[in-house]
């Protein structure tokens, strides 16, 4: 790219950063991904999409949406509770989100909280979602006016400061959210310290 386009590239990469952090990795969208996977795992034969091409192509969004609605309205169906989360907006709620302060105590604080909460309240009541932005490079060649080629990260004041996207959320069943929040407020530091000590012993 030519030197005059560097600021346009900076703006594009910043917009991409905000789209990922605020839209693609939005905390509500992420928990619905998990609920959909939970439903499909229980609803599909053997928990998987068919590898037979005709069967695979015959199963569209329409069939899956209809199955969710039917299961949500039929308490006797084994997927009823899972479908209600999707159809009735009864999704799990955020208990904990990764933050800079807790990173001082543990390299993976959300994972520590997830493991402790799952152990205390049961695997069916707790979920974790973590996403990292794997795509896009911030370093690319830039042609300056004097025909010298330099690297974008060397010339840009913006791109070296653009953080990597790392999103971690721990979710719990809304029915027990307040109970679990109260437990976490009392035990967060102990959870982080205990988990770290266990890792160091391995």
Protein backbone atom coordinates (compact mmCIF):
# COMPACT_ATOMS: atom_id res chain seq x y z
CA UNK A 1 0.00 0.00 0.00
CA UNK A 2 1.11 3.58 -0.61
CA UNK A 3 1.92 5.94 2.26
CA UNK A 4 -1.20 8.04 1.66
CA UNK A 5 -3.41 5.04 2.39
CA UNK A 6 -1.98 4.22 5.80
CA UNK A 7 -4.59 6.20 7.74
CA UNK A 8 -7.38 4.54 5.77
CA UNK A 9 -5.92 1.14 6.69
CA UNK A 10 -5.73 2.21 10.34
CA UNK A 11 -9.39 3.26 10.29
CA UNK A 12 -10.40 -0.03 8.66
CA UNK A 13 -8.51 -2.15 11.21
CA UNK A 14 -9.90 -0.12 14.13
CA UNK A 15 -13.43 -0.58 12.77
CA UNK A 16 -12.74 -4.30 12.48
CA UNK A 17 -11.57 -4.39 16.10
CA UNK A 18 -14.76 -2.73 17.35
CA UNK A 19 -16.99 -4.93 15.19
CA UNK A 20 -15.44 -8.05 16.65
CA UNK A 21 -15.41 -6.87 20.26
CA UNK A 22 -18.89 -5.31 20.24
CA UNK A 23 -20.89 -7.29 17.66
CA UNK A 24 -19.38 -10.62 16.59
CA UNK A 25 -18.20 -11.43 20.12
CA UNK A 26 -21.14 -9.80 21.94
CA UNK A 27 -21.83 -11.66 25.16
CA UNK A 28 -25.49 -12.44 24.38
CA UNK A 29 -24.71 -13.69 20.88
CA UNK A 30 -21.99 -15.93 22.30
CA UNK A 31 -24.27 -17.64 24.82
CA UNK A 32 -26.85 -18.29 22.09
CA UNK A 33 -24.15 -20.05 20.09
CA UNK A 34 -23.59 -22.31 23.09
CA UNK A 35 -27.31 -22.96 23.62
CA UNK A 36 -27.74 -23.80 19.94
CA UNK A 37 -24.85 -26.26 20.08
CA UNK A 38 -26.35 -27.84 23.23
CA UNK A 39 -29.71 -28.23 21.47
CA UNK A 40 -28.28 -29.65 18.25
CA UNK A 41 -26.07 -32.09 20.14
CA UNK A 42 -29.15 -33.55 21.81
CA UNK A 43 -31.53 -33.28 18.85
CA UNK A 44 -29.39 -34.56 15.97
CA UNK A 45 -28.87 -38.33 15.57
CA UNK A 46 -25.71 -39.20 17.49
CA UNK A 47 -25.34 -35.48 18.18
CA UNK A 48 -23.90 -34.76 14.74
CA UNK A 49 -24.95 -33.54 11.32
CA UNK A 50 -25.15 -36.32 8.74
CA UNK A 51 -22.16 -36.81 6.47
CA UNK A 52 -24.48 -38.09 3.75
CA UNK A 53 -24.62 -35.20 1.28
CA UNK A 54 -28.34 -35.41 0.45
CA UNK A 55 -29.36 -35.70 4.10
CA UNK A 56 -27.03 -32.88 5.08
CA UNK A 57 -28.33 -30.50 2.40
CA UNK A 58 -31.95 -31.33 3.20
CA UNK A 59 -31.55 -30.04 6.76
CA UNK A 60 -31.88 -26.26 6.57
CA UNK A 61 -32.38 -23.45 9.06
CA UNK A 62 -36.13 -23.88 8.59
CA UNK A 63 -36.13 -27.47 9.87
CA UNK A 64 -33.94 -26.57 12.84
CA UNK A 65 -36.04 -23.53 13.74
CA UNK A 66 -39.22 -25.61 13.53
CA UNK A 67 -37.66 -28.29 15.75
CA UNK A 68 -36.67 -25.67 18.33
CA UNK A 69 -40.17 -24.18 18.42
CA UNK A 70 -41.82 -27.60 18.66
CA UNK A 71 -39.53 -28.76 21.46
CA UNK A 72 -39.97 -25.46 23.33
CA UNK A 73 -43.76 -25.89 23.32
CA UNK A 74 -43.71 -29.62 24.17
CA UNK A 75 -42.59 -30.33 27.76
CA UNK A 76 -42.42 -34.06 27.11
CA UNK A 77 -39.67 -33.69 24.52
CA UNK A 78 -36.14 -34.38 25.81
CA UNK A 79 -34.85 -31.16 24.25
CA UNK A 80 -37.60 -29.03 25.85
CA UNK A 81 -35.45 -27.12 28.36
CA UNK A 82 -32.68 -26.53 25.83
CA UNK A 83 -35.17 -25.28 23.24
CA UNK A 84 -36.85 -22.91 25.72
CA UNK A 85 -33.55 -21.13 26.21
CA UNK A 86 -33.45 -20.37 22.51
CA UNK A 87 -37.12 -19.75 21.73
CA UNK A 88 -38.09 -18.00 24.94
CA UNK A 89 -34.97 -15.89 25.53
CA UNK A 90 -34.29 -17.86 28.70
CA UNK A 91 -30.59 -17.77 28.01
CA UNK A 92 -27.94 -18.07 30.69
CA UNK A 93 -26.73 -14.77 32.14
CA UNK A 94 -23.22 -13.43 32.50
CA UNK A 95 -21.66 -14.21 35.85
CA UNK A 96 -18.12 -13.11 35.15
CA UNK A 97 -16.15 -11.42 32.37
CA UNK A 98 -12.40 -11.30 31.90
CA UNK A 99 -10.87 -8.05 33.16
CA UNK A 100 -7.40 -6.56 33.47
CA UNK A 101 -7.39 -6.45 37.27
CA UNK A 102 -7.92 -10.19 37.69
CA UNK A 103 -5.23 -10.94 35.10
CA UNK A 104 -2.74 -9.75 37.73
CA UNK A 105 -3.74 -12.72 39.88
CA UNK A 106 -4.33 -15.43 37.30
CA UNK A 107 -3.46 -15.82 33.58
CA UNK A 108 -6.90 -17.31 32.82
CA UNK A 109 -9.31 -15.90 35.42
CA UNK A 110 -12.51 -16.80 33.52
CA UNK A 111 -11.43 -20.42 33.26
CA UNK A 112 -10.70 -20.48 37.00
CA UNK A 113 -14.15 -19.04 37.78
CA UNK A 114 -15.81 -21.48 35.37
CA UNK A 115 -14.17 -24.53 36.93
CA UNK A 116 -14.97 -23.43 40.47
CA UNK A 117 -18.59 -22.52 39.65
CA UNK A 118 -19.13 -25.78 37.74
CA UNK A 119 -17.79 -27.75 40.69
CA UNK A 120 -19.97 -25.83 43.16
CA UNK A 121 -23.23 -25.50 41.18
CA UNK A 122 -23.10 -28.33 38.61
CA UNK A 123 -22.01 -28.65 35.00
CA UNK A 124 -25.55 -28.15 33.64
CA UNK A 125 -25.82 -24.70 35.24
CA UNK A 126 -22.57 -23.13 34.03
CA UNK A 127 -21.10 -22.36 30.62
CA UNK A 128 -17.98 -20.58 29.38
CA UNK A 129 -17.35 -18.75 26.11
CA UNK A 130 -13.95 -17.55 24.99
CA UNK A 131 -13.03 -16.01 21.70
CA UNK A 132 -9.81 -14.74 20.20
CA UNK A 133 -9.51 -12.76 17.00
CA UNK A 134 -7.41 -14.99 14.78
CA UNK A 135 -7.76 -13.13 11.51
CA UNK A 136 -6.11 -10.10 9.99
CA UNK A 137 -2.55 -8.86 10.17
CA UNK A 138 -1.50 -5.45 11.45
CA UNK A 139 1.87 -5.62 9.74
CA UNK A 140 2.05 -4.97 6.00
CA UNK A 141 4.40 -3.14 3.61
CA UNK A 142 3.95 0.58 3.00
CA UNK A 143 5.50 2.41 0.06
CA UNK A 144 6.71 5.87 1.11
CA UNK A 145 7.02 8.92 -1.15
CA UNK A 146 10.77 8.36 -1.52
CA UNK A 147 10.05 4.82 -2.87
CA UNK A 148 11.33 3.14 0.29
CA UNK A 149 9.27 0.24 1.63
CA UNK A 150 8.64 0.25 5.37
CA UNK A 151 6.47 -1.84 7.71
CA UNK A 152 3.12 -0.51 8.90
CA UNK A 153 3.88 -1.23 12.57
CA UNK A 154 7.03 0.86 12.30
CA UNK A 155 5.35 3.88 10.75
CA UNK A 156 1.90 3.83 12.34
CA UNK A 157 1.30 5.34 15.78
CA UNK A 158 -2.09 3.62 15.99
CA UNK A 159 -1.59 -0.01 14.97
CA UNK A 160 1.01 -0.98 17.62
CA UNK A 161 -1.44 0.19 20.30
CA UNK A 162 -4.41 -1.75 18.93
CA UNK A 163 -4.91 -4.64 21.40
CA UNK A 164 -5.58 -8.22 20.46
CA UNK A 165 -9.20 -9.21 20.96
CA UNK A 166 -9.64 -11.61 23.87
CA UNK A 167 -13.16 -12.15 25.19
CA UNK A 168 -14.02 -14.50 28.07
CA UNK A 169 -17.43 -14.81 29.73
CA UNK A 170 -18.75 -17.24 32.31
CA UNK A 171 -22.52 -17.76 32.26
CA UNK A 172 -24.94 -19.34 34.71
CA UNK A 173 -28.59 -20.33 34.64
CA UNK A 174 -30.65 -17.21 35.30
CA UNK A 175 -32.63 -19.02 38.00
CA UNK A 176 -29.56 -19.14 40.24
CA UNK A 177 -27.72 -16.03 39.00
CA UNK A 178 -28.05 -14.00 42.20
CA UNK A 179 -27.01 -16.93 44.39
CA UNK A 180 -23.92 -17.58 42.27
CA UNK A 181 -23.05 -13.87 42.10
CA UNK A 182 -23.15 -13.67 45.88
CA UNK A 183 -20.91 -16.74 46.13
CA UNK A 184 -18.45 -15.29 43.63
CA UNK A 185 -18.25 -11.92 45.38
CA UNK A 186 -17.14 -13.71 48.53
CA UNK A 187 -14.82 -16.21 46.88
CA UNK A 188 -13.33 -14.68 43.73
CA UNK A 189 -9.84 -14.01 45.09
CA UNK A 190 -9.70 -17.42 46.72
CA UNK A 191 -10.87 -19.06 43.46
CA UNK A 192 -8.10 -17.36 41.49
CA UNK A 193 -5.41 -18.13 44.07
CA UNK A 194 -6.46 -21.77 44.54
CA UNK A 195 -6.64 -22.46 40.82
CA UNK A 196 -3.20 -20.94 40.29
CA UNK A 197 -1.67 -22.96 43.12
CA UNK A 198 -3.12 -26.17 41.66
CA UNK A 199 -1.62 -25.39 38.25
CA UNK A 200 1.80 -24.70 39.77
CA UNK A 201 1.76 -28.08 41.55
CA UNK A 202 1.18 -30.00 38.30
